[in-house]
Amino acid sequence: MTFADNLQQLPAITHLAALHLLDATGTVVATIENKPGKSGALAVYAALAAKNGAINVAAAQEGLEMFAEHTDSARAHPGSHPNIDRLLEVIASGTGYAVVLAPA
């Protein structure tokens, strides 16, 4: 399935303004906003957090599958897809993120 196909199966995110990722110290290390070009990543991360309680290794592995064709592109061009790069980093390091949802 493609990324677009996968997005159609995820819950709506219209109620979210953003999602914040927190490291082990509780510091916000990344924010994914609900805006064009980012809303797909927000939908993926929100669904992963809802299912797994955080962005951990299991969530990251599932996320790479959800990003579908974009995952191959991210691997071939590091830095071009920072939200996918972050999932690859979680898998490599074994260190995940807590998630805080910001309502719209």
PDB file of N, CA and C in Angstrom:
ATOM      1  N   MET A   1       0.830  -1.181   0.000  1.00  0.00           N
ATOM      2  CA  MET A   1       0.000   0.000   0.000  1.00  0.00           C
ATOM      3  C   MET A   1       0.877   1.248   0.000  1.00  0.00           C
ATOM      4  N   THR A   2       0.341   2.298  -0.541  1.00  0.00           N
ATOM      5  CA  THR A   2       1.081   3.554  -0.587  1.00  0.00           C
ATOM      6  C   THR A   2       0.826   4.362   0.684  1.00  0.00           C
ATOM      7  N   PHE A   3       1.631   5.407   0.859  1.00  0.00           N
ATOM      8  CA  PHE A   3       1.449   6.308   1.986  1.00  0.00           C
ATOM      9  C   PHE A   3       0.038   6.895   1.965  1.00  0.00           C
ATOM     10  N   ALA A   4      -0.417   7.326   0.802  1.00  0.00           N
ATOM     11  CA  ALA A   4      -1.766   7.899   0.689  1.00  0.00           C
ATOM     12  C   ALA A   4      -2.830   6.885   1.102  1.00  0.00           C
ATOM     13  N   ASP A   5      -2.658   5.625   0.706  1.00  0.00           N
ATOM     14  CA  ASP A   5      -3.602   4.573   1.099  1.00  0.00           C
ATOM     15  C   ASP A   5      -3.595   4.395   2.620  1.00  0.00           C
ATOM     16  N   ASN A   6      -2.408   4.379   3.188  1.00  0.00           N
ATOM     17  CA  ASN A   6      -2.279   4.198   4.636  1.00  0.00           C
ATOM     18  C   ASN A   6      -2.919   5.351   5.397  1.00  0.00           C
ATOM     19  N   LEU A   7      -2.746   6.576   4.903  1.00  0.00           N
ATOM     20  CA  LEU A   7      -3.336   7.738   5.575  1.00  0.00           C
ATOM     21  C   LEU A   7      -4.853   7.635   5.645  1.00  0.00           C
ATOM     22  N   GLN A   8      -5.464   7.096   4.615  1.00  0.00           N
ATOM     23  CA  GLN A   8      -6.925   6.976   4.583  1.00  0.00           C
ATOM     24  C   GLN A   8      -7.454   6.055   5.676  1.00  0.00           C
ATOM     25  N   GLN A   9      -6.605   5.188   6.192  1.00  0.00           N
ATOM     26  CA  GLN A   9      -7.019   4.240   7.221  1.00  0.00           C
ATOM     27  C   GLN A   9      -6.790   4.765   8.640  1.00  0.00           C
ATOM     28  N   LEU A  10      -6.136   5.922   8.775  1.00  0.00           N
ATOM     29  CA  LEU A  10      -5.811   6.471  10.094  1.00  0.00           C
ATOM     30  C   LEU A  10      -6.933   7.377  10.592  1.00  0.00           C
ATOM     31  N   PRO A  11      -7.051   7.507  11.915  1.00  0.00           N
ATOM     32  CA  PRO A  11      -8.054   8.413  12.478  1.00  0.00           C
ATOM     33  C   PRO A  11      -7.820   9.856  12.037  1.00  0.00           C
ATOM     34  N   ALA A  12      -8.883  10.618  12.002  1.00  0.00           N
ATOM     35  CA  ALA A  12      -8.799  12.039  11.652  1.00  0.00           C
ATOM     36  C   ALA A  12      -7.961  12.788  12.691  1.00  0.00           C
ATOM     37  N   ILE A  13      -7.319  13.858  12.231  1.00  0.00           N
ATOM     38  CA  ILE A  13      -6.487  14.680  13.134  1.00  0.00           C
ATOM     39  C   ILE A  13      -6.971  16.121  13.171  1.00  0.00           C
ATOM     40  N   THR A  14      -8.190  16.358  12.739  1.00  0.00           N
ATOM     41  CA  THR A  14      -8.706  17.723  12.688  1.00  0.00           C
ATOM     42  C   THR A  14      -8.761  18.372  14.064  1.00  0.00           C
ATOM     43  N   HIS A  15      -8.787  17.564  15.108  1.00  0.00           N
ATOM     44  CA  HIS A  15      -8.837  18.074  16.475  1.00  0.00           C
ATOM     45  C   HIS A  15      -7.463  18.455  17.027  1.00  0.00           C
ATOM     46  N   LEU A  16      -6.403  18.239  16.236  1.00  0.00           N
ATOM     47  CA  LEU A  16      -5.039  18.508  16.699  1.00  0.00           C
ATOM     48  C   LEU A  16      -4.421  19.713  16.001  1.00  0.00           C
ATOM     49  N   ALA A  17      -3.736  20.524  16.760  1.00  0.00           N
ATOM     50  CA  ALA A  17      -2.937  21.615  16.200  1.00  0.00           C
ATOM     51  C   ALA A  17      -1.517  21.136  15.950  1.00  0.00           C
ATOM     52  N   ALA A  18      -1.049  20.216  16.825  1.00  0.00           N
ATOM     53  CA  ALA A  18       0.336  19.737  16.731  1.00  0.00           C
ATOM     54  C   ALA A  18       0.522  18.542  17.652  1.00  0.00           C
ATOM     55  N   LEU A  19       1.688  17.964  17.540  1.00  0.00           N
ATOM     56  CA  LEU A  19       2.120  16.864  18.393  1.00  0.00           C
ATOM     57  C   LEU A  19       3.555  17.180  18.791  1.00  0.00           C
ATOM     58  N   HIS A  20       3.858  17.039  20.078  1.00  0.00           N
ATOM     59  CA  HIS A  20       5.206  17.307  20.578  1.00  0.00           C
ATOM     60  C   HIS A  20       5.860  15.999  21.000  1.00  0.00           C
ATOM     61  N   LEU A  21       7.114  15.823  20.623  1.00  0.00           N
ATOM     62  CA  LEU A  21       7.898  14.666  21.050  1.00  0.00           C
ATOM     63  C   LEU A  21       8.832  15.109  22.159  1.00  0.00           C
ATOM     64  N   LEU A  22       8.834  14.354  23.260  1.00  0.00           N
ATOM     65  CA  LEU A  22       9.657  14.679  24.416  1.00  0.00           C
ATOM     66  C   LEU A  22      10.695  13.591  24.634  1.00  0.00           C
ATOM     67  N   ASP A  23      11.910  14.029  24.972  1.00  0.00           N
ATOM     68  CA  ASP A  23      12.953  13.052  25.276  1.00  0.00           C
ATOM     69  C   ASP A  23      12.797  12.573  26.715  1.00  0.00           C
ATOM     70  N   ALA A  24      13.746  11.768  27.187  1.00  0.00           N
ATOM     71  CA  ALA A  24      13.667  11.172  28.518  1.00  0.00           C
ATOM     72  C   ALA A  24      13.664  12.206  29.642  1.00  0.00           C
ATOM     73  N   THR A  25      14.165  13.417  29.381  1.00  0.00           N
ATOM     74  CA  THR A  25      14.181  14.468  30.400  1.00  0.00           C
ATOM     75  C   THR A  25      12.912  15.306  30.382  1.00  0.00           C
ATOM     76  N   GLY A  26      12.012  15.049  29.423  1.00  0.00           N
ATOM     77  CA  GLY A  26      10.787  15.812  29.309  1.00  0.00           C
ATOM     78  C   GLY A  26      10.910  17.052  28.441  1.00  0.00           C
ATOM     79  N   THR A  27      12.037  17.184  27.768  1.00  0.00           N
ATOM     80  CA  THR A  27      12.278  18.325  26.882  1.00  0.00           C
ATOM     81  C   THR A  27      11.650  18.070  25.522  1.00  0.00           C
ATOM     82  N   VAL A  28      10.941  19.069  24.998  1.00  0.00           N
ATOM     83  CA  VAL A  28      10.377  18.948  23.652  1.00  0.00           C
ATOM     84  C   VAL A  28      11.535  18.989  22.660  1.00  0.00           C
ATOM     85  N   VAL A  29      11.677  17.920  21.893  1.00  0.00           N
ATOM     86  CA  VAL A  29      12.768  17.837  20.920  1.00  0.00           C
ATOM     87  C   VAL A  29      12.281  17.982  19.480  1.00  0.00           C
ATOM     88  N   ALA A  30      10.969  17.889  19.294  1.00  0.00           N
ATOM     89  CA  ALA A  30      10.409  18.059  17.955  1.00  0.00           C
ATOM     90  C   ALA A  30       8.920  18.336  18.077  1.00  0.00           C
ATOM     91  N   THR A  31       8.413  19.084  17.114  1.00  0.00           N
ATOM     92  CA  THR A  31       6.987  19.374  17.021  1.00  0.00           C
ATOM     93  C   THR A  31       6.559  19.124  15.579  1.00  0.00           C
ATOM     94  N   ILE A  32       5.462  18.421  15.429  1.00  0.00           N
ATOM     95  CA  ILE A  32       4.881  18.187  14.108  1.00  0.00           C
ATOM     96  C   ILE A  32       3.548  18.922  14.097  1.00  0.00           C
ATOM     97  N   GLU A  33       3.446  19.932  13.256  1.00  0.00           N
ATOM     98  CA  GLU A  33       2.251  20.761  13.207  1.00  0.00           C
ATOM     99  C   GLU A  33       1.236  20.220  12.198  1.00  0.00           C
ATOM    100  N   ASN A  34       0.002  20.559  12.436  1.00  0.00           N
ATOM    101  CA  ASN A  34      -1.080  20.176  11.523  1.00  0.00           C
ATOM    102  C   ASN A  34      -1.193  21.262  10.453  1.00  0.00           C
ATOM    103  N   LYS A  35      -0.332  21.149   9.461  1.00  0.00           N
ATOM    104  CA  LYS A  35      -0.330  22.093   8.353  1.00  0.00           C
ATOM    105  C   LYS A  35       0.074  21.345   7.090  1.00  0.00           C
ATOM    106  N   PRO A  36      -0.212  21.908   5.930  1.00  0.00           N
ATOM    107  CA  PRO A  36       0.131  21.216   4.682  1.00  0.00           C
ATOM    108  C   PRO A  36       1.602  20.794   4.657  1.00  0.00           C
ATOM    109  N   GLY A  37       1.818  19.586   4.200  1.00  0.00           N
ATOM    110  CA  GLY A  37       3.166  19.038   4.127  1.00  0.00           C
ATOM    111  C   GLY A  37       3.608  18.346   5.400  1.00  0.00           C
ATOM    112  N   LYS A  38       2.858  18.518   6.485  1.00  0.00           N
ATOM    113  CA  LYS A  38       3.184  17.891   7.774  1.00  0.00           C
ATOM    114  C   LYS A  38       2.038  17.068   8.338  1.00  0.00           C
ATOM    115  N   SER A  39       0.831  17.297   7.839  1.00  0.00           N
ATOM    116  CA  SER A  39      -0.337  16.653   8.428  1.00  0.00           C
ATOM    117  C   SER A  39      -0.303  15.126   8.284  1.00  0.00           C
ATOM    118  N   GLY A  40       0.289  14.619   7.231  1.00  0.00           N
ATOM    119  CA  GLY A  40       0.398  13.168   7.086  1.00  0.00           C
ATOM    120  C   GLY A  40       1.281  12.574   8.169  1.00  0.00           C
ATOM    121  N   ALA A  41       2.417  13.214   8.421  1.00  0.00           N
ATOM    122  CA  ALA A  41       3.308  12.751   9.483  1.00  0.00           C
ATOM    123  C   ALA A  41       2.618  12.860  10.835  1.00  0.00           C
ATOM    124  N   LEU A  42       1.865  13.941  11.042  1.00  0.00           N
ATOM    125  CA  LEU A  42       1.127  14.101  12.298  1.00  0.00           C
ATOM    126  C   LEU A  42       0.137  12.955  12.479  1.00  0.00           C
ATOM    127  N   ALA A  43      -0.578  12.598  11.422  1.00  0.00           N
ATOM    128  CA  ALA A  43      -1.537  11.501  11.499  1.00  0.00           C
ATOM    129  C   ALA A  43      -0.853  10.181  11.850  1.00  0.00           C
ATOM    130  N   VAL A  44       0.288   9.921  11.229  1.00  0.00           N
ATOM    131  CA  VAL A  44       1.034   8.691  11.513  1.00  0.00           C
ATOM    132  C   VAL A  44       1.502   8.673  12.961  1.00  0.00           C
ATOM    133  N   TYR A  45       2.167   9.728  13.392  1.00  0.00           N
ATOM    134  CA  TYR A  45       2.705   9.771  14.750  1.00  0.00           C
ATOM    135  C   TYR A  45       1.587   9.703  15.788  1.00  0.00           C
ATOM    136  N   ALA A  46       0.471  10.395  15.550  1.00  0.00           N
ATOM    137  CA  ALA A  46      -0.643  10.363  16.499  1.00  0.00           C
ATOM    138  C   ALA A  46      -1.215   8.949  16.605  1.00  0.00           C
ATOM    139  N   ALA A  47      -1.360   8.275  15.483  1.00  0.00           N
ATOM    140  CA  ALA A  47      -1.872   6.901  15.504  1.00  0.00           C
ATOM    141  C   ALA A  47      -0.903   5.961  16.206  1.00  0.00           C
ATOM    142  N   LEU A  48       0.379   6.142  15.957  1.00  0.00           N
ATOM    143  CA  LEU A  48       1.386   5.301  16.614  1.00  0.00           C
ATOM    144  C   LEU A  48       1.378   5.518  18.116  1.00  0.00           C
ATOM    145  N   ALA A  49       1.281   6.772  18.539  1.00  0.00           N
ATOM    146  CA  ALA A  49       1.263   7.080  19.971  1.00  0.00           C
ATOM    147  C   ALA A  49       0.007   6.526  20.631  1.00  0.00           C
ATOM    148  N   ALA A  50      -1.128   6.621  19.950  1.00  0.00           N
ATOM    149  CA  ALA A  50      -2.375   6.092  20.504  1.00  0.00           C
ATOM    150  C   ALA A  50      -2.283   4.578  20.695  1.00  0.00           C
ATOM    151  N   LYS A  51      -1.674   3.908  19.760  1.00  0.00           N
ATOM    152  CA  LYS A  51      -1.573   2.447  19.820  1.00  0.00           C
ATOM    153  C   LYS A  51      -0.509   1.968  20.799  1.00  0.00           C
ATOM    154  N   ASN A  52       0.638   2.673  20.837  1.00  0.00           N
ATOM    155  CA  ASN A  52       1.787   2.199  21.604  1.00  0.00           C
ATOM    156  C   ASN A  52       2.063   2.984  22.887  1.00  0.00           C
ATOM    157  N   GLY A  53       1.368   4.089  23.078  1.00  0.00           N
ATOM    158  CA  GLY A  53       1.585   4.894  24.273  1.00  0.00           C
ATOM    159  C   GLY A  53       2.760   5.838  24.179  1.00  0.00           C
ATOM    160  N   ALA A  54       3.583   5.681  23.166  1.00  0.00           N
ATOM    161  CA  ALA A  54       4.775   6.498  22.944  1.00  0.00           C
ATOM    162  C   ALA A  54       5.327   6.128  21.571  1.00  0.00           C
ATOM    163  N   ILE A  55       6.373   6.825  21.170  1.00  0.00           N
ATOM    164  CA  ILE A  55       7.084   6.433  19.955  1.00  0.00           C
ATOM    165  C   ILE A  55       8.288   5.616  20.415  1.00  0.00           C
ATOM    166  N   ASN A  56       8.088   4.304  20.480  1.00  0.00           N
ATOM    167  CA  ASN A  56       9.132   3.366  20.884  1.00  0.00           C
ATOM    168  C   ASN A  56       9.575   2.573  19.653  1.00  0.00           C
ATOM    169  N   VAL A  57      10.411   1.581  19.862  1.00  0.00           N
ATOM    170  CA  VAL A  57      10.939   0.817  18.726  1.00  0.00           C
ATOM    171  C   VAL A  57       9.806   0.152  17.935  1.00  0.00           C
ATOM    172  N   ALA A  58       8.846  -0.448  18.627  1.00  0.00           N
ATOM    173  CA  ALA A  58       7.735  -1.110  17.924  1.00  0.00           C
ATOM    174  C   ALA A  58       6.937  -0.093  17.109  1.00  0.00           C
ATOM    175  N   ALA A  59       6.679   1.063  17.689  1.00  0.00           N
ATOM    176  CA  ALA A  59       5.943   2.115  16.982  1.00  0.00           C
ATOM    177  C   ALA A  59       6.738   2.592  15.776  1.00  0.00           C
ATOM    178  N   ALA A  60       8.029   2.763  15.945  1.00  0.00           N
ATOM    179  CA  ALA A  60       8.881   3.245  14.848  1.00  0.00           C
ATOM    180  C   ALA A  60       8.882   2.261  13.683  1.00  0.00           C
ATOM    181  N   GLN A  61       8.963   0.986  13.991  1.00  0.00           N
ATOM    182  CA  GLN A  61       8.951  -0.021  12.933  1.00  0.00           C
ATOM    183  C   GLN A  61       7.625   0.010  12.175  1.00  0.00           C
ATOM    184  N   GLU A  62       6.530   0.140  12.911  1.00  0.00           N
ATOM    185  CA  GLU A  62       5.218   0.232  12.267  1.00  0.00           C
ATOM    186  C   GLU A  62       5.112   1.523  11.449  1.00  0.00           C
ATOM    187  N   GLY A  63       5.664   2.598  11.980  1.00  0.00           N
ATOM    188  CA  GLY A  63       5.636   3.880  11.284  1.00  0.00           C
ATOM    189  C   GLY A  63       6.357   3.830   9.950  1.00  0.00           C
ATOM    190  N   LEU A  64       7.488   3.141   9.907  1.00  0.00           N
ATOM    191  CA  LEU A  64       8.210   3.017   8.639  1.00  0.00           C
ATOM    192  C   LEU A  64       7.358   2.316   7.595  1.00  0.00           C
ATOM    193  N   GLU A  65       6.580   1.342   8.027  1.00  0.00           N
ATOM    194  CA  GLU A  65       5.666   0.658   7.098  1.00  0.00           C
ATOM    195  C   GLU A  65       4.573   1.613   6.627  1.00  0.00           C
ATOM    196  N   MET A  66       4.059   2.431   7.535  1.00  0.00           N
ATOM    197  CA  MET A  66       2.998   3.378   7.173  1.00  0.00           C
ATOM    198  C   MET A  66       3.492   4.429   6.180  1.00  0.00           C
ATOM    199  N   PHE A  67       4.725   4.879   6.351  1.00  0.00           N
ATOM    200  CA  PHE A  67       5.269   5.888   5.444  1.00  0.00           C
ATOM    201  C   PHE A  67       5.561   5.301   4.059  1.00  0.00           C
ATOM    202  N   ALA A  68       5.519   3.985   3.944  1.00  0.00           N
ATOM    203  CA  ALA A  68       5.590   3.258   2.671  1.00  0.00           C
ATOM    204  C   ALA A  68       6.731   3.736   1.770  1.00  0.00           C
ATOM    205  N   GLU A  69       6.399   4.224   0.586  1.00  0.00           N
ATOM    206  CA  GLU A  69       7.421   4.600  -0.397  1.00  0.00           C
ATOM    207  C   GLU A  69       8.334   5.728   0.095  1.00  0.00           C
ATOM    208  N   HIS A  70       7.861   6.524   1.036  1.00  0.00           N
ATOM    209  CA  HIS A  70       8.692   7.611   1.552  1.00  0.00           C
ATOM    210  C   HIS A  70       9.836   7.090   2.429  1.00  0.00           C
ATOM    211  N   THR A  71       9.664   5.896   2.988  1.00  0.00           N
ATOM    212  CA  THR A  71      10.722   5.308   3.810  1.00  0.00           C
ATOM    213  C   THR A  71      11.947   4.996   2.950  1.00  0.00           C
ATOM    214  N   ASP A  72      11.741   4.438   1.778  1.00  0.00           N
ATOM    215  CA  ASP A  72      12.869   4.149   0.881  1.00  0.00           C
ATOM    216  C   ASP A  72      13.569   5.441   0.473  1.00  0.00           C
ATOM    217  N   SER A  73      12.794   6.466   0.200  1.00  0.00           N
ATOM    218  CA  SER A  73      13.362   7.767  -0.162  1.00  0.00           C
ATOM    219  C   SER A  73      14.173   8.345   0.988  1.00  0.00           C
ATOM    220  N   ALA A  74      13.667   8.224   2.211  1.00  0.00           N
ATOM    221  CA  ALA A  74      14.384   8.744   3.382  1.00  0.00           C
ATOM    222  C   ALA A  74      15.701   8.009   3.596  1.00  0.00           C
ATOM    223  N   ARG A  75      15.691   6.719   3.378  1.00  0.00           N
ATOM    224  CA  ARG A  75      16.937   5.943   3.534  1.00  0.00           C
ATOM    225  C   ARG A  75      17.959   6.338   2.470  1.00  0.00           C
ATOM    226  N   ALA A  76      17.478   6.604   1.269  1.00  0.00           N
ATOM    227  CA  ALA A  76      18.377   6.969   0.168  1.00  0.00           C
ATOM    228  C   ALA A  76      18.864   8.412   0.275  1.00  0.00           C
ATOM    229  N   HIS A  77      18.081   9.261   0.930  1.00  0.00           N
ATOM    230  CA  HIS A  77      18.409  10.693   1.017  1.00  0.00           C
ATOM    231  C   HIS A  77      18.228  11.182   2.458  1.00  0.00           C
ATOM    232  N   PRO A  78      19.141  10.786   3.364  1.00  0.00           N
ATOM    233  CA  PRO A  78      19.014  11.212   4.764  1.00  0.00           C
ATOM    234  C   PRO A  78      18.860  12.733   4.871  1.00  0.00           C
ATOM    235  N   GLY A  79      17.946  13.141   5.745  1.00  0.00           N
ATOM    236  CA  GLY A  79      17.682  14.556   5.945  1.00  0.00           C
ATOM    237  C   GLY A  79      16.516  15.080   5.135  1.00  0.00           C
ATOM    238  N   SER A  80      16.105  14.343   4.118  1.00  0.00           N
ATOM    239  CA  SER A  80      15.006  14.820   3.270  1.00  0.00           C
ATOM    240  C   SER A  80      13.633  14.548   3.889  1.00  0.00           C
ATOM    241  N   HIS A  81      13.567  13.633   4.830  1.00  0.00           N
ATOM    242  CA  HIS A  81      12.314  13.277   5.505  1.00  0.00           C
ATOM    243  C   HIS A  81      12.590  13.183   7.010  1.00  0.00           C
ATOM    244  N   PRO A  82      12.673  14.303   7.696  1.00  0.00           N
ATOM    245  CA  PRO A  82      13.089  14.275   9.103  1.00  0.00           C
ATOM    246  C   PRO A  82      12.197  13.444  10.016  1.00  0.00           C
ATOM    247  N   ASN A  83      10.905  13.360   9.735  1.00  0.00           N
ATOM    248  CA  ASN A  83      10.033  12.560  10.595  1.00  0.00           C
ATOM    249  C   ASN A  83      10.265  11.067  10.408  1.00  0.00           C
ATOM    250  N   ILE A  84      10.709  10.666   9.244  1.00  0.00           N
ATOM    251  CA  ILE A  84      11.085   9.264   9.018  1.00  0.00           C
ATOM    252  C   ILE A  84      12.480   9.029   9.589  1.00  0.00           C
ATOM    253  N   ASP A  85      13.386   9.980   9.393  1.00  0.00           N
ATOM    254  CA  ASP A  85      14.731   9.870   9.972  1.00  0.00           C
ATOM    255  C   ASP A  85      14.640   9.644  11.481  1.00  0.00           C
ATOM    256  N   ARG A  86      13.704  10.324  12.123  1.00  0.00           N
ATOM    257  CA  ARG A  86      13.532  10.199  13.574  1.00  0.00           C
ATOM    258  C   ARG A  86      13.131   8.770  13.942  1.00  0.00           C
ATOM    259  N   LEU A  87      12.257   8.158  13.144  1.00  0.00           N
ATOM    260  CA  LEU A  87      11.863   6.776  13.411  1.00  0.00           C
ATOM    261  C   LEU A  87      13.036   5.823  13.223  1.00  0.00           C
ATOM    262  N   LEU A  88      13.838   6.058  12.195  1.00  0.00           N
ATOM    263  CA  LEU A  88      15.034   5.232  11.984  1.00  0.00           C
ATOM    264  C   LEU A  88      15.996   5.374  13.169  1.00  0.00           C
ATOM    265  N   GLU A  89      16.095   6.589  13.706  1.00  0.00           N
ATOM    266  CA  GLU A  89      16.960   6.837  14.867  1.00  0.00           C
ATOM    267  C   GLU A  89      16.455   6.092  16.103  1.00  0.00           C
ATOM    268  N   VAL A  90      15.137   6.077  16.295  1.00  0.00           N
ATOM    269  CA  VAL A  90      14.556   5.347  17.431  1.00  0.00           C
ATOM    270  C   VAL A  90      14.913   3.868  17.332  1.00  0.00           C
ATOM    271  N   ILE A  91      14.801   3.297  16.163  1.00  0.00           N
ATOM    272  CA  ILE A  91      15.125   1.881  15.978  1.00  0.00           C
ATOM    273  C   ILE A  91      16.609   1.635  16.226  1.00  0.00           C
ATOM    274  N   ALA A  92      17.454   2.492  15.685  1.00  0.00           N
ATOM    275  CA  ALA A  92      18.903   2.312  15.837  1.00  0.00           C
ATOM    276  C   ALA A  92      19.357   2.474  17.285  1.00  0.00           C
ATOM    277  N   SER A  93      18.771   3.430  17.987  1.00  0.00           N
ATOM    278  CA  SER A  93      19.226   3.737  19.350  1.00  0.00           C
ATOM    279  C   SER A  93      18.458   2.976  20.425  1.00  0.00           C
ATOM    280  N   GLY A  94      17.239   2.550  20.118  1.00  0.00           N
ATOM    281  CA  GLY A  94      16.406   1.920  21.115  1.00  0.00           C
ATOM    282  C   GLY A  94      15.769   2.916  22.067  1.00  0.00           C
ATOM    283  N   THR A  95      15.979   4.197  21.817  1.00  0.00           N
ATOM    284  CA  THR A  95      15.454   5.256  22.673  1.00  0.00           C
ATOM    285  C   THR A  95      14.300   5.955  21.968  1.00  0.00           C
ATOM    286  N   GLY A  96      13.161   6.008  22.625  1.00  0.00           N
ATOM    287  CA  GLY A  96      11.974   6.581  22.010  1.00  0.00           C
ATOM    288  C   GLY A  96      11.619   7.948  22.573  1.00  0.00           C
ATOM    289  N   TYR A  97      10.380   8.325  22.347  1.00  0.00           N
ATOM    290  CA  TYR A  97       9.880   9.632  22.747  1.00  0.00           C
ATOM    291  C   TYR A  97       8.502   9.516  23.376  1.00  0.00           C
ATOM    292  N   ALA A  98       8.263  10.318  24.385  1.00  0.00           N
ATOM    293  CA  ALA A  98       6.913  10.509  24.884  1.00  0.00           C
ATOM    294  C   ALA A  98       6.210  11.457  23.931  1.00  0.00           C
ATOM    295  N   VAL A  99       4.903  11.415  23.913  1.00  0.00           N
ATOM    296  CA  VAL A  99       4.128  12.238  22.989  1.00  0.00           C
ATOM    297  C   VAL A  99       3.116  13.063  23.756  1.00  0.00           C
ATOM    298  N   VAL A 100       3.033  14.337  23.416  1.00  0.00           N
ATOM    299  CA  VAL A 100       2.009  15.226  23.955  1.00  0.00           C
ATOM    300  C   VAL A 100       1.237  15.800  22.773  1.00  0.00           C
ATOM    301  N   LEU A 101      -0.068  15.624  22.785  1.00  0.00           N
ATOM    302  CA  LEU A 101      -0.913  16.150  21.722  1.00  0.00           C
ATOM    303  C   LEU A 101      -1.375  17.555  22.092  1.00  0.00           C
ATOM    304  N   ALA A 102      -1.337  18.470  21.118  1.00  0.00           N
ATOM    305  CA  ALA A 102      -1.792  19.838  21.320  1.00  0.00           C
ATOM    306  C   ALA A 102      -3.117  19.997  20.583  1.00  0.00           C
ATOM    307  N   PRO A 103      -4.210  20.203  21.313  1.00  0.00           N
ATOM    308  CA  PRO A 103      -5.500  20.339  20.636  1.00  0.00           C
ATOM    309  C   PRO A 103      -5.596  21.602  19.802  1.00  0.00           C
ATOM    310  N   ALA A 104      -6.450  21.539  18.783  1.00  0.00           N
ATOM    311  CA  ALA A 104      -6.658  22.688  17.903  1.00  0.00           C
ATOM    312  C   ALA A 104      -7.459  23.758  18.617  1.00  0.00           C
TER     313      ALA A 104
END
